[in-house]
C-alpha atoms as a PDB file:
ATOM      1  CA  MET A   1      -1.052  -3.432   2.467  1.00  0.00           C
ATOM      2  CA  SER A   2       1.622  -3.524  -0.254  1.00  0.00           C
ATOM      3  CA  ASP A   3       0.433  -0.044  -1.454  1.00  0.00           C
ATOM      4  CA  TYR A   4       0.985   1.157   2.151  1.00  0.00           C
ATOM      5  CA  CYS A   5       4.452  -0.113   2.160  1.00  0.00           C
ATOM      6  CA  SER A   6       5.293   1.951  -0.936  1.00  0.00           C
ATOM      7  CA  SER A   7       3.715   4.952   0.628  1.00  0.00           C
ATOM      8  CA  GLN A   8       6.001   4.710   3.676  1.00  0.00           C
ATOM      9  CA  SER A   9       8.822   5.224   1.247  1.00  0.00           C
ATOM     10  CA  LEU A  10       7.534   8.614   0.263  1.00  0.00           C
ATOM     11  CA  LYS A  11       6.166   9.272   3.751  1.00  0.00           C
ATOM     12  CA  PRO A  12       8.438   7.545   6.329  1.00  0.00           C
ATOM     13  CA  ASP A  13       6.512   9.621   8.956  1.00  0.00           C
ATOM     14  CA  THR A  14       4.179   6.747   9.512  1.00  0.00           C
ATOM     15  CA  SER A  15       4.005   5.307  13.001  1.00  0.00           C
ATOM     16  CA  VAL A  16       4.063   1.697  11.817  1.00  0.00           C
ATOM     17  CA  GLY A  17       7.031   2.120   9.540  1.00  0.00           C
ATOM     18  CA  GLU A  18       7.053  -1.544   8.540  1.00  0.00           C
END
């Protein structure tokens, strides 16, 4: 999940966001 958090930084287009 941590890896996903970092990914959101590069791709804030995620629906979850958090």
